[in-house]
Amino acid sequence: MTVTTSGTLPDEVYDVAVIGAGVVGTAIARELTRYPLRIALVEASDDVGDGTSKANTAILHTGFDAVPGSLESRLVREGQRRLAEYAARTGIPVEPLGALLVAWDEEQLAALPGLAAKAERNEYRETRILDADELYSREPRLGPGALGALEVPGESVICPWTTTLAYATQAVRAGADLHLNCRVEDVADVPGDEFAHELTTGRGVLRTHTLINAAGLYADEVDRLLGHTDFTVTPRRGQLMVFDKFARDLVRHILLPVPTALGKGVLVAPTVYGNVMLGPTAEDLDDKTATGSTAEGLDFLREKGARIMPELLDEEVTAVYAGLRAATEEDDYRIRSHPGQRYITVGGIRSTGLTASMAIAAHVVELLAGSGRDLGAARELEPVRMPNIGEASPRPYERAELIAADPEYGRIVCHCERVSRGEIRDALASTVPPRSPEGLRRRTRARGGRCQGFYCGATVRALLDAEAPEAPGAPGAAGTYGTPGPSGPPDGGEASQRPEVGP
């Protein structure tokens, strides 16, 4: 149960190695640690959730508009239930706002009954069509000209950062080894029964009996190392704009467009951090590192936003960011088991992967067991409780009893986001600590406000340099960040032009 960022890898043979520590890879590792297996989680970056998982629209979907009968439809439906329950137990911020799918012309209005029927086929039966009068009574700041909407009351917003971190924290505490800065460069099949795969990484060789590929944008490239050409990942860039907290009262629901073949389209949605988000674009690219925002993309978003909610564009833009989704040739996940190779591909996981993550993990474990692997008896994992960084429940600076017990929770470092020195201290002493200001921001929101670290950046950097433990991630480290059980401080996408600012 270690977290390593440098040095050579352990000289042992793991039972299962998972490539990719995004929300799906960490969920798989967490699920596997329920069994008596030696698990390695291998990540190219220096932090978990540092790729697609950190820059998305942060919506907990119902799956109402998935392709009926698809694997994605089933796993999103099951994953939504699992993750909602897990978030409540673990302290992951979630706000059940509901969504309104807004029709702006007669063609879109005529499509709403079909979308309601599609939701029925996906076993979601709570949709309702609203006329224009009811729509505007529900969303009075909506732009003029909307003709009606499909209400989807089960849609929620969630914190994607805390979700990934909770999975990783629980996995490491349950015995998994997390190897960061460990990019997989080659995979060799090894004959015989001692082990099946030898991974060449930037930190040496890692050996494992079974390999699971959850490499996100690079899942197709890892697949080819194993001799498979089942799919190709096309990076689909989504640019988004984040508006200041003063905009929050403008919108009451997640406002969705009628979907197109490229995705769900441009939405307006609150975030659990108190902001309002506009986006994303949907741009198919060739470059899997093209995470910069563009003038054309932001102009497109402003044009869409002006129709959806004109008053929103009068508000201050706190940040812009862009994430890349792993689009493939099929409108479904590409999850395949290759029992003869002791290998499972988990590819084509698009924007719904956050919602489906726990169900994807359970499905992968079923495939592993179905391939003849004896997993042993499952156990319950020790629960964790993550610190609250959402606005729907009290934050540490608002909790007098917490500050009385530890005044560090009352010493504000980041005034835009009201982040205390105590929260930063706890994050730096946690099971999976940050290695950069960006990683610290995802754990605490420090530097994520309207000044983007202009005032607090130097202090945050100094705390990170001074307080980071020499052996990061050691189990049992002090602090309340991710404490076992309910006794901690409970609540009551990719890079950008302005670094690490979404969602």
Protein backbone atom coordinates (compact mmCIF):
# COMPACT_ATOMS: atom_id res chain seq x y z
CA MET A 1 0.00 0.00 0.00
CA THR A 2 2.38 2.61 -1.30
CA VAL A 3 2.45 5.68 -3.53
CA THR A 4 5.67 6.11 -5.48
CA THR A 5 6.71 8.93 -7.80
CA SER A 6 10.33 8.09 -8.55
CA GLY A 7 12.90 5.35 -8.32
CA THR A 8 12.79 1.82 -9.66
CA LEU A 9 9.65 -0.27 -9.43
CA PRO A 10 9.27 -3.16 -6.96
CA ASP A 11 10.87 -6.46 -7.91
CA GLU A 12 7.69 -8.49 -7.65
CA VAL A 13 4.95 -9.91 -9.83
CA TYR A 14 1.56 -8.26 -9.37
CA ASP A 15 -1.66 -10.17 -9.78
CA VAL A 16 -3.24 -7.30 -11.74
CA ALA A 17 -1.82 -4.05 -13.11
CA VAL A 18 -4.12 -1.24 -14.22
CA ILE A 19 -2.77 1.32 -16.69
CA GLY A 20 -4.26 4.77 -16.16
CA ALA A 21 -5.24 6.49 -12.90
CA GLY A 22 -8.15 8.52 -14.17
CA VAL A 23 -11.63 8.13 -12.74
CA VAL A 24 -12.13 4.77 -14.47
CA GLY A 25 -8.70 3.32 -13.68
CA THR A 26 -8.89 4.31 -10.01
CA ALA A 27 -12.42 2.88 -9.78
CA ILE A 28 -11.16 -0.43 -11.22
CA ALA A 29 -8.20 -0.52 -8.83
CA ARG A 30 -10.51 0.22 -5.90
CA GLU A 31 -12.90 -2.57 -6.87
CA LEU A 32 -10.05 -5.06 -7.31
CA THR A 33 -8.70 -4.35 -3.83
CA ARG A 34 -11.83 -5.96 -2.43
CA TYR A 35 -10.16 -9.27 -3.34
CA PRO A 36 -6.95 -10.88 -2.01
CA LEU A 37 -4.86 -9.69 -4.96
CA ARG A 38 -1.68 -7.64 -5.37
CA ILE A 39 -2.73 -4.60 -7.42
CA ALA A 40 -0.59 -2.01 -9.20
CA LEU A 41 -2.07 1.21 -10.57
CA VAL A 42 0.30 2.78 -13.11
CA GLU A 43 -0.02 6.43 -14.20
CA ALA A 44 2.09 8.50 -16.59
CA SER A 45 1.38 11.77 -14.77
CA ASP A 46 2.43 12.83 -11.27
CA ASP A 47 -1.14 12.72 -9.93
CA VAL A 48 -4.37 10.79 -10.22
CA GLY A 49 -7.13 12.24 -12.37
CA ASP A 50 -4.68 14.43 -14.27
CA GLY A 51 -5.95 13.72 -17.80
CA THR A 52 -9.46 13.64 -19.21
CA SER A 53 -10.92 13.13 -15.73
CA LYS A 54 -9.96 16.57 -14.48
CA ALA A 55 -11.60 18.60 -17.26
CA ASN A 56 -15.17 17.60 -17.95
CA THR A 57 -18.70 18.92 -17.46
CA ALA A 58 -18.94 17.29 -14.02
CA ILE A 59 -22.48 15.96 -14.48
CA LEU A 60 -23.83 12.82 -12.82
CA HIS A 61 -25.96 11.54 -15.69
CA THR A 62 -29.13 9.46 -15.66
CA GLY A 63 -28.29 7.94 -19.05
CA PHE A 64 -31.68 9.00 -20.41
CA ASP A 65 -30.25 9.77 -23.88
CA ALA A 66 -27.77 6.89 -24.26
CA VAL A 67 -28.12 4.42 -27.12
CA PRO A 68 -30.77 1.97 -25.86
CA GLY A 69 -29.42 -1.53 -25.35
CA SER A 70 -25.80 -0.40 -25.44
CA LEU A 71 -23.21 -1.30 -22.84
CA GLU A 72 -22.85 2.39 -22.06
CA SER A 73 -26.57 2.68 -21.36
CA ARG A 74 -26.52 -0.16 -18.86
CA LEU A 75 -23.33 0.92 -17.11
CA VAL A 76 -24.35 4.58 -16.87
CA ARG A 77 -27.71 3.60 -15.40
CA GLU A 78 -26.10 1.27 -12.87
CA GLY A 79 -23.16 3.60 -12.27
CA GLN A 80 -25.40 6.57 -11.47
CA ARG A 81 -27.03 4.62 -8.66
CA ARG A 82 -23.73 3.29 -7.34
CA LEU A 83 -21.93 6.63 -7.45
CA ALA A 84 -24.81 8.58 -5.89
CA GLU A 85 -24.80 6.17 -2.94
CA TYR A 86 -21.00 6.20 -2.70
CA ALA A 87 -20.86 9.99 -2.83
CA ALA A 88 -23.32 10.26 0.06
CA ARG A 89 -21.23 7.88 2.17
CA THR A 90 -17.89 9.38 1.22
CA GLY A 91 -18.62 13.11 1.20
CA ILE A 92 -18.20 13.72 -2.53
CA PRO A 93 -20.08 16.95 -3.33
CA VAL A 94 -23.25 16.32 -5.35
CA GLU A 95 -26.16 18.66 -6.08
CA PRO A 96 -29.34 17.09 -7.55
CA LEU A 97 -30.52 20.06 -9.62
CA GLY A 98 -32.36 18.29 -12.43
CA ALA A 99 -31.97 19.16 -16.11
CA LEU A 100 -34.11 20.90 -18.71
CA LEU A 101 -33.55 19.92 -22.33
CA VAL A 102 -34.54 23.19 -24.04
CA ALA A 103 -36.17 23.30 -27.49
CA TRP A 104 -35.46 26.52 -29.43
CA ASP A 105 -37.32 25.76 -32.65
CA GLU A 106 -40.20 23.63 -33.92
CA GLU A 107 -37.91 20.81 -35.05
CA GLN A 108 -36.34 20.52 -31.60
CA LEU A 109 -39.76 20.75 -29.94
CA ALA A 110 -41.00 17.91 -32.12
CA ALA A 111 -37.99 15.83 -31.05
CA LEU A 112 -38.84 15.96 -27.33
CA PRO A 113 -41.44 13.14 -27.31
CA GLY A 114 -38.93 10.88 -29.06
CA LEU A 115 -36.30 11.72 -26.46
CA ALA A 116 -38.81 10.93 -23.70
CA ALA A 117 -39.50 7.58 -25.37
CA LYS A 118 -35.76 6.95 -25.66
CA ALA A 119 -35.42 7.62 -21.94
CA GLU A 120 -38.13 5.00 -21.33
CA ARG A 121 -36.16 2.47 -23.37
CA ASN A 122 -33.18 3.31 -21.15
CA GLU A 123 -35.37 2.54 -18.11
CA TYR A 124 -35.58 6.19 -17.06
CA ARG A 125 -39.28 7.03 -16.63
CA GLU A 126 -39.29 10.40 -14.89
CA THR A 127 -39.10 12.78 -17.86
CA ARG A 128 -41.86 15.30 -18.51
CA ILE A 129 -42.45 17.75 -21.35
CA LEU A 130 -42.91 21.38 -20.27
CA ASP A 131 -44.59 24.09 -22.33
CA ALA A 132 -42.99 27.52 -22.72
CA ASP A 133 -44.91 29.08 -19.83
CA GLU A 134 -43.83 26.44 -17.33
CA LEU A 135 -40.29 26.47 -18.68
CA TYR A 136 -39.92 30.21 -18.07
CA SER A 137 -41.50 29.94 -14.64
CA ARG A 138 -38.78 27.41 -13.80
CA GLU A 139 -35.96 29.35 -15.50
CA PRO A 140 -36.95 33.03 -15.68
CA ARG A 141 -33.49 34.20 -16.91
CA LEU A 142 -33.59 31.92 -19.95
CA GLY A 143 -33.14 33.73 -23.24
CA PRO A 144 -36.24 34.62 -25.27
CA GLY A 145 -37.74 32.31 -27.86
CA ALA A 146 -37.65 28.88 -26.16
CA LEU A 147 -40.72 26.80 -27.08
CA GLY A 148 -40.61 24.13 -24.39
CA ALA A 149 -38.37 21.61 -22.68
CA LEU A 150 -37.99 18.02 -21.56
CA GLU A 151 -37.51 17.85 -17.81
CA VAL A 152 -35.03 15.24 -16.57
CA PRO A 153 -35.23 15.56 -12.78
CA GLY A 154 -32.57 12.96 -11.96
CA GLU A 155 -29.55 14.81 -13.40
CA SER A 156 -27.03 16.19 -10.87
CA VAL A 157 -23.72 18.04 -10.74
CA ILE A 158 -20.79 16.40 -8.95
CA CYS A 159 -17.14 17.03 -8.04
CA PRO A 160 -15.04 14.91 -10.43
CA TRP A 161 -11.80 15.65 -8.59
CA THR A 162 -12.97 14.33 -5.23
CA THR A 163 -14.50 11.27 -6.91
CA THR A 164 -11.21 10.17 -8.49
CA LEU A 165 -9.27 10.96 -5.33
CA ALA A 166 -11.70 9.00 -3.15
CA TYR A 167 -11.29 5.92 -5.34
CA ALA A 168 -7.50 6.21 -5.29
CA THR A 169 -7.36 6.84 -1.54
CA GLN A 170 -9.48 3.79 -0.80
CA ALA A 171 -7.51 1.61 -3.21
CA VAL A 172 -4.14 2.57 -1.71
CA ARG A 173 -5.36 2.10 1.85
CA ALA A 174 -6.70 -1.32 0.88
CA GLY A 175 -3.28 -2.41 -0.37
CA ALA A 176 -2.85 -1.23 -3.97
CA ASP A 177 0.48 0.25 -5.09
CA LEU A 178 0.10 3.52 -7.00
CA HIS A 179 3.06 4.23 -9.27
CA LEU A 180 3.04 7.81 -10.62
CA ASN A 181 5.38 9.33 -13.24
CA CYS A 182 5.35 5.84 -14.74
CA ARG A 183 4.49 6.03 -18.42
CA VAL A 184 4.13 2.63 -20.12
CA GLU A 185 6.37 2.50 -23.18
CA ASP A 186 6.04 -1.14 -24.22
CA VAL A 187 4.31 -4.37 -23.21
CA ALA A 188 5.81 -7.79 -23.83
CA ASP A 189 3.95 -11.07 -23.49
CA VAL A 190 5.95 -13.53 -21.41
CA PRO A 191 5.56 -17.26 -22.11
CA GLY A 192 4.97 -19.69 -19.27
CA ASP A 193 2.86 -19.48 -16.15
CA GLU A 194 5.06 -17.38 -13.88
CA PHE A 195 3.55 -14.14 -15.21
CA ALA A 196 2.00 -12.95 -18.45
CA HIS A 197 3.11 -9.37 -19.04
CA GLU A 198 6.25 -7.33 -18.68
CA LEU A 199 5.68 -3.58 -18.89
CA THR A 200 8.55 -1.33 -19.85
CA THR A 201 8.00 2.04 -18.19
CA GLY A 202 9.89 5.26 -17.68
CA ARG A 203 10.83 3.93 -14.23
CA GLY A 204 11.84 0.42 -15.15
CA VAL A 205 10.08 -2.91 -15.57
CA LEU A 206 6.79 -3.93 -13.99
CA ARG A 207 5.58 -7.53 -14.15
CA THR A 208 2.02 -8.70 -13.79
CA HIS A 209 -0.14 -11.78 -14.34
CA THR A 210 -3.09 -9.76 -15.70
CA LEU A 211 -3.20 -6.37 -17.41
CA ILE A 212 -6.11 -3.92 -17.58
CA ASN A 213 -5.88 -1.03 -20.02
CA ALA A 214 -7.73 2.07 -18.78
CA ALA A 215 -5.41 4.54 -20.49
CA GLY A 216 -8.12 6.92 -21.72
CA LEU A 217 -6.96 8.86 -24.77
CA TYR A 218 -4.10 6.38 -25.20
CA ALA A 219 -6.13 3.18 -24.74
CA ASP A 220 -5.92 2.41 -28.46
CA GLU A 221 -2.13 2.77 -28.42
CA VAL A 222 -1.78 0.40 -25.46
CA ASP A 223 -4.18 -1.98 -27.24
CA ARG A 224 -1.89 -2.04 -30.24
CA LEU A 225 1.05 -2.98 -28.02
CA LEU A 226 -0.93 -6.14 -27.26
CA GLY A 227 -1.62 -6.79 -30.95
CA HIS A 228 -5.20 -5.46 -31.18
CA THR A 229 -6.62 -2.93 -33.65
CA ASP A 230 -10.26 -2.95 -32.56
CA PHE A 231 -10.67 0.82 -32.31
CA THR A 232 -9.00 4.18 -32.73
CA VAL A 233 -9.33 7.05 -30.28
CA THR A 234 -10.02 10.44 -31.83
CA PRO A 235 -9.47 13.21 -29.27
CA ARG A 236 -12.61 15.37 -29.15
CA ARG A 237 -11.82 18.73 -27.59
CA GLY A 238 -14.38 20.42 -25.40
CA GLN A 239 -13.72 24.05 -24.50
CA LEU A 240 -15.62 25.59 -21.60
CA MET A 241 -16.00 28.93 -19.85
CA VAL A 242 -16.42 29.31 -16.09
CA PHE A 243 -18.29 32.33 -14.77
CA ASP A 244 -17.87 33.96 -11.38
CA LYS A 245 -20.00 33.01 -8.38
CA PHE A 246 -22.09 36.18 -8.83
CA ALA A 247 -23.65 34.40 -11.83
CA ARG A 248 -24.91 31.47 -9.76
CA ASP A 249 -28.38 32.93 -9.08
CA LEU A 250 -29.09 33.22 -12.81
CA VAL A 251 -29.63 29.50 -13.35
CA ARG A 252 -31.57 26.90 -11.37
CA HIS A 253 -31.13 23.73 -13.44
CA ILE A 254 -28.69 22.08 -15.80
CA LEU A 255 -29.75 23.55 -19.16
CA LEU A 256 -29.14 21.09 -21.98
CA PRO A 257 -29.65 21.43 -25.74
CA VAL A 258 -31.25 18.81 -27.93
CA PRO A 259 -28.29 16.44 -28.55
CA THR A 260 -26.53 15.96 -31.87
CA ALA A 261 -24.35 13.20 -33.34
CA LEU A 262 -21.24 14.90 -31.88
CA GLY A 263 -22.52 14.92 -28.32
CA LYS A 264 -24.81 16.64 -25.91
CA GLY A 265 -23.99 20.10 -27.26
CA VAL A 266 -23.45 23.36 -25.40
CA LEU A 267 -24.97 23.51 -21.93
CA VAL A 268 -25.24 25.98 -19.10
CA ALA A 269 -24.83 24.39 -15.69
CA PRO A 270 -24.01 25.36 -12.13
CA THR A 271 -21.00 23.68 -10.52
CA VAL A 272 -20.73 22.30 -7.01
CA TYR A 273 -18.16 25.06 -6.36
CA GLY A 274 -20.72 27.84 -6.85
CA ASN A 275 -19.80 28.91 -10.39
CA VAL A 276 -21.68 28.62 -13.67
CA MET A 277 -20.23 26.76 -16.63
CA LEU A 278 -20.87 27.27 -20.36
CA GLY A 279 -19.78 24.65 -22.90
CA PRO A 280 -18.39 22.41 -24.23
CA THR A 281 -17.44 22.65 -27.86
CA ALA A 282 -16.98 19.39 -29.80
CA GLU A 283 -13.91 19.48 -32.05
CA ASP A 284 -12.38 16.27 -33.43
CA LEU A 285 -8.59 16.63 -33.54
CA ASP A 286 -5.49 14.59 -34.38
CA ASP A 287 -3.37 15.82 -31.47
CA LYS A 288 -3.98 14.11 -28.10
CA THR A 289 -2.19 16.94 -26.31
CA ALA A 290 -4.13 19.85 -27.87
CA THR A 291 -5.74 21.10 -24.68
CA GLY A 292 -5.48 24.83 -25.29
CA SER A 293 -8.52 27.05 -25.69
CA THR A 294 -8.96 28.99 -28.93
CA ALA A 295 -10.47 32.34 -29.84
CA GLU A 296 -12.78 30.58 -32.29
CA GLY A 297 -13.98 28.14 -29.67
CA LEU A 298 -14.68 30.86 -27.10
CA ASP A 299 -16.50 32.99 -29.69
CA PHE A 300 -18.67 29.97 -30.49
CA LEU A 301 -19.51 29.53 -26.81
CA ARG A 302 -20.38 33.20 -26.41
CA GLU A 303 -22.70 32.96 -29.41
CA LYS A 304 -24.48 29.94 -27.92
CA GLY A 305 -24.55 31.49 -24.46
CA ALA A 306 -26.13 34.67 -25.79
CA ARG A 307 -29.14 32.66 -26.88
CA ILE A 308 -29.39 30.36 -23.87
CA MET A 309 -28.94 33.01 -21.16
CA PRO A 310 -27.94 36.49 -22.36
CA GLU A 311 -27.42 37.87 -18.84
CA LEU A 312 -24.72 35.27 -18.23
CA LEU A 313 -22.40 36.99 -20.68
CA ASP A 314 -22.53 40.16 -18.59
CA GLU A 315 -20.89 38.29 -15.71
CA GLU A 316 -17.15 37.99 -15.04
CA VAL A 317 -15.39 35.01 -16.62
CA THR A 318 -13.28 33.40 -13.92
CA ALA A 319 -11.51 30.95 -16.21
CA VAL A 320 -11.57 28.98 -19.45
CA TYR A 321 -10.36 25.43 -19.95
CA ALA A 322 -10.41 22.59 -22.45
CA GLY A 323 -10.62 18.83 -22.05
CA LEU A 324 -10.26 15.96 -24.50
CA ARG A 325 -12.76 13.11 -24.72
CA ALA A 326 -11.86 9.68 -26.05
CA ALA A 327 -14.20 9.37 -29.03
CA THR A 328 -14.10 6.20 -31.18
CA GLU A 329 -15.81 4.83 -34.28
CA GLU A 330 -18.74 3.45 -32.24
CA ASP A 331 -21.28 5.19 -29.99
CA ASP A 332 -20.48 2.78 -27.18
CA TYR A 333 -17.77 1.81 -24.76
CA ARG A 334 -15.06 -0.51 -26.12
CA ILE A 335 -14.58 -2.92 -23.22
CA ARG A 336 -13.13 -6.27 -24.34
CA SER A 337 -11.71 -9.28 -22.51
CA HIS A 338 -8.88 -11.31 -24.07
CA PRO A 339 -8.68 -14.31 -21.71
CA GLY A 340 -5.86 -16.01 -23.63
CA GLN A 341 -3.67 -12.97 -23.00
CA ARG A 342 -4.95 -12.23 -19.49
CA TYR A 343 -5.77 -8.77 -20.78
CA ILE A 344 -8.82 -6.48 -20.67
CA THR A 345 -9.28 -3.31 -22.72
CA VAL A 346 -11.39 -0.51 -21.25
CA GLY A 347 -11.54 1.96 -24.12
CA GLY A 348 -13.82 4.53 -25.69
CA ILE A 349 -14.95 5.84 -22.31
CA ARG A 350 -16.37 9.24 -23.14
CA SER A 351 -17.96 11.98 -21.01
CA THR A 352 -20.26 9.54 -19.23
CA GLY A 353 -17.28 7.67 -17.78
CA LEU A 354 -17.44 9.63 -14.54
CA THR A 355 -21.04 8.53 -13.94
CA ALA A 356 -20.41 4.95 -15.05
CA SER A 357 -17.05 4.52 -13.31
CA MET A 358 -18.12 2.23 -10.48
CA ALA A 359 -20.27 0.10 -12.78
CA ILE A 360 -17.42 -0.13 -15.30
CA ALA A 361 -15.19 -1.37 -12.48
CA ALA A 362 -17.71 -4.02 -11.44
CA HIS A 363 -18.10 -5.09 -15.09
CA VAL A 364 -14.34 -5.45 -15.50
CA VAL A 365 -14.14 -7.61 -12.38
CA GLU A 366 -16.94 -9.80 -13.80
CA LEU A 367 -14.98 -10.18 -17.03
CA LEU A 368 -11.89 -11.09 -15.04
CA ALA A 369 -13.76 -13.74 -13.08
CA GLY A 370 -15.40 -15.01 -16.26
CA SER A 371 -12.01 -15.52 -17.89
CA GLY A 372 -11.21 -18.22 -15.34
CA ARG A 373 -9.29 -16.11 -12.85
CA ASP A 374 -9.91 -17.15 -9.24
CA LEU A 375 -10.33 -13.83 -7.44
CA GLY A 376 -10.95 -15.21 -3.98
CA ALA A 377 -13.56 -13.96 -1.53
CA ALA A 378 -14.61 -10.31 -1.68
CA ARG A 379 -14.45 -8.10 1.40
CA GLU A 380 -15.86 -4.76 2.41
CA LEU A 381 -13.39 -1.90 2.13
CA GLU A 382 -12.61 0.41 5.02
CA PRO A 383 -14.76 3.51 4.41
CA VAL A 384 -13.26 6.93 3.83
CA ARG A 385 -14.72 10.39 4.28
CA MET A 386 -13.40 13.09 1.97
CA PRO A 387 -13.26 16.78 2.88
CA ASN A 388 -16.05 18.90 1.45
CA ILE A 389 -14.98 21.39 -1.23
CA GLY A 390 -18.53 22.02 -2.48
CA GLU A 391 -20.82 24.91 -1.61
CA ALA A 392 -24.02 23.01 -0.80
CA SER A 393 -22.73 21.99 2.63
CA PRO A 394 -20.62 23.87 5.22
CA ARG A 395 -16.95 24.28 4.41
CA PRO A 396 -14.33 24.25 7.20
CA TYR A 397 -14.14 28.07 7.45
CA GLU A 398 -17.88 28.08 8.27
CA ARG A 399 -17.69 25.48 11.05
CA ALA A 400 -17.11 27.09 14.42
CA GLU A 401 -16.66 23.78 16.23
CA LEU A 402 -13.95 22.67 13.80
CA ILE A 403 -12.09 25.97 14.13
CA ALA A 404 -12.38 25.86 17.92
CA ALA A 405 -10.76 22.42 17.92
CA ASP A 406 -8.09 23.45 15.37
CA PRO A 407 -7.63 27.18 14.62
CA GLU A 408 -5.81 26.34 11.38
CA TYR A 409 -9.24 25.79 9.78
CA GLY A 410 -9.97 29.47 10.44
CA ARG A 411 -6.76 30.82 8.90
CA ILE A 412 -7.73 31.64 5.32
CA VAL A 413 -5.00 31.37 2.68
CA CYS A 414 -7.06 31.61 -0.54
CA HIS A 415 -9.66 34.31 0.03
CA CYS A 416 -11.43 33.88 -3.32
CA GLU A 417 -12.32 30.26 -2.50
CA ARG A 418 -12.12 30.51 1.32
CA VAL A 419 -9.46 27.79 1.63
CA SER A 420 -7.86 27.46 5.04
CA ARG A 421 -4.34 26.61 6.04
CA GLY A 422 -5.72 23.55 7.83
CA GLU A 423 -7.19 22.17 4.61
CA ILE A 424 -3.91 22.66 2.76
CA ARG A 425 -2.01 20.98 5.61
CA ASP A 426 -4.37 17.99 5.53
CA ALA A 427 -4.11 17.62 1.76
CA LEU A 428 -0.32 17.61 1.93
CA ALA A 429 -0.40 14.87 4.60
CA SER A 430 -3.02 12.73 2.86
CA THR A 431 -2.76 9.21 1.48
CA VAL A 432 -2.44 10.49 -2.10
CA PRO A 433 -0.98 13.98 -1.66
CA PRO A 434 -0.57 16.63 -4.36
CA ARG A 435 2.80 17.20 -6.04
CA SER A 436 1.97 20.56 -7.61
CA PRO A 437 -0.16 23.66 -7.02
CA GLU A 438 -2.60 22.29 -9.61
CA GLY A 439 -2.99 19.03 -7.69
CA LEU A 440 -3.49 20.99 -4.48
CA ARG A 441 -6.17 23.08 -6.16
CA ARG A 442 -8.11 19.97 -7.12
CA ARG A 443 -8.06 18.87 -3.48
CA THR A 444 -8.82 22.20 -1.81
CA ARG A 445 -9.81 24.78 -4.50
CA ALA A 446 -6.82 26.96 -3.54
CA ARG A 447 -5.92 29.22 -6.51
CA GLY A 448 -9.19 28.33 -8.27
CA GLY A 449 -11.08 31.59 -7.75
CA ARG A 450 -11.45 34.81 -9.68
CA CYS A 451 -7.88 35.98 -9.09
CA GLN A 452 -6.48 32.59 -10.21
CA GLY A 453 -3.81 32.65 -7.51
CA PHE A 454 -2.64 36.24 -8.07
CA TYR A 455 -2.86 36.98 -4.33
CA CYS A 456 -2.40 33.57 -2.72
CA GLY A 457 -0.20 31.80 -5.28
CA ALA A 458 3.13 32.53 -3.57
CA THR A 459 1.82 31.46 -0.16
CA VAL A 460 0.30 28.28 -1.56
CA ARG A 461 3.55 27.44 -3.34
CA ALA A 462 5.55 28.04 -0.16
CA LEU A 463 3.23 25.79 1.86
CA LEU A 464 3.48 23.10 -0.80
CA ASP A 465 7.28 23.26 -0.78
CA ALA A 466 7.60 23.44 3.01
CA GLU A 467 4.94 21.01 4.19
CA ALA A 468 4.97 18.27 1.58
CA PRO A 469 6.10 15.06 3.35
CA GLU A 470 9.39 13.49 2.39
CA ALA A 471 7.64 10.20 1.76
CA PRO A 472 4.34 11.31 0.25
CA GLY A 473 1.36 9.04 0.59
CA ALA A 474 2.58 7.03 3.55
CA PRO A 475 -0.43 5.26 5.07
CA GLY A 476 -1.51 6.64 8.41
CA ALA A 477 -0.21 10.14 7.71
CA ALA A 478 -1.54 12.83 9.99
CA GLY A 479 -4.42 15.10 9.07
CA THR A 480 -8.10 14.66 8.36
CA TYR A 481 -7.99 14.59 4.57
CA GLY A 482 -9.75 11.37 3.57
CA THR A 483 -10.08 10.12 7.14
CA PRO A 484 -11.45 6.61 7.67
CA GLY A 485 -15.15 6.48 8.33
CA PRO A 486 -17.43 9.41 9.08
CA SER A 487 -15.14 11.12 11.61
CA GLY A 488 -13.25 13.43 9.23
CA PRO A 489 -14.38 16.96 8.40
CA PRO A 490 -17.61 15.89 6.67
CA ASP A 491 -19.94 18.12 4.77
CA GLY A 492 -23.22 18.46 7.05
CA GLY A 493 -11.20 17.41 -18.24
CA GLU A 494 -7.10 18.56 -19.45
CA ALA A 495 -4.88 21.63 -19.22
CA SER A 496 -6.09 25.08 -20.20
CA GLN A 497 -4.87 28.54 -21.14
CA ARG A 498 -5.30 29.40 -17.48
CA PRO A 499 -3.90 26.27 -15.90
CA GLU A 500 -6.18 23.82 -14.13
CA VAL A 501 -9.32 25.86 -13.82
CA GLY A 502 -12.19 23.53 -14.72
CA PRO A 503 -14.78 22.46 -14.20
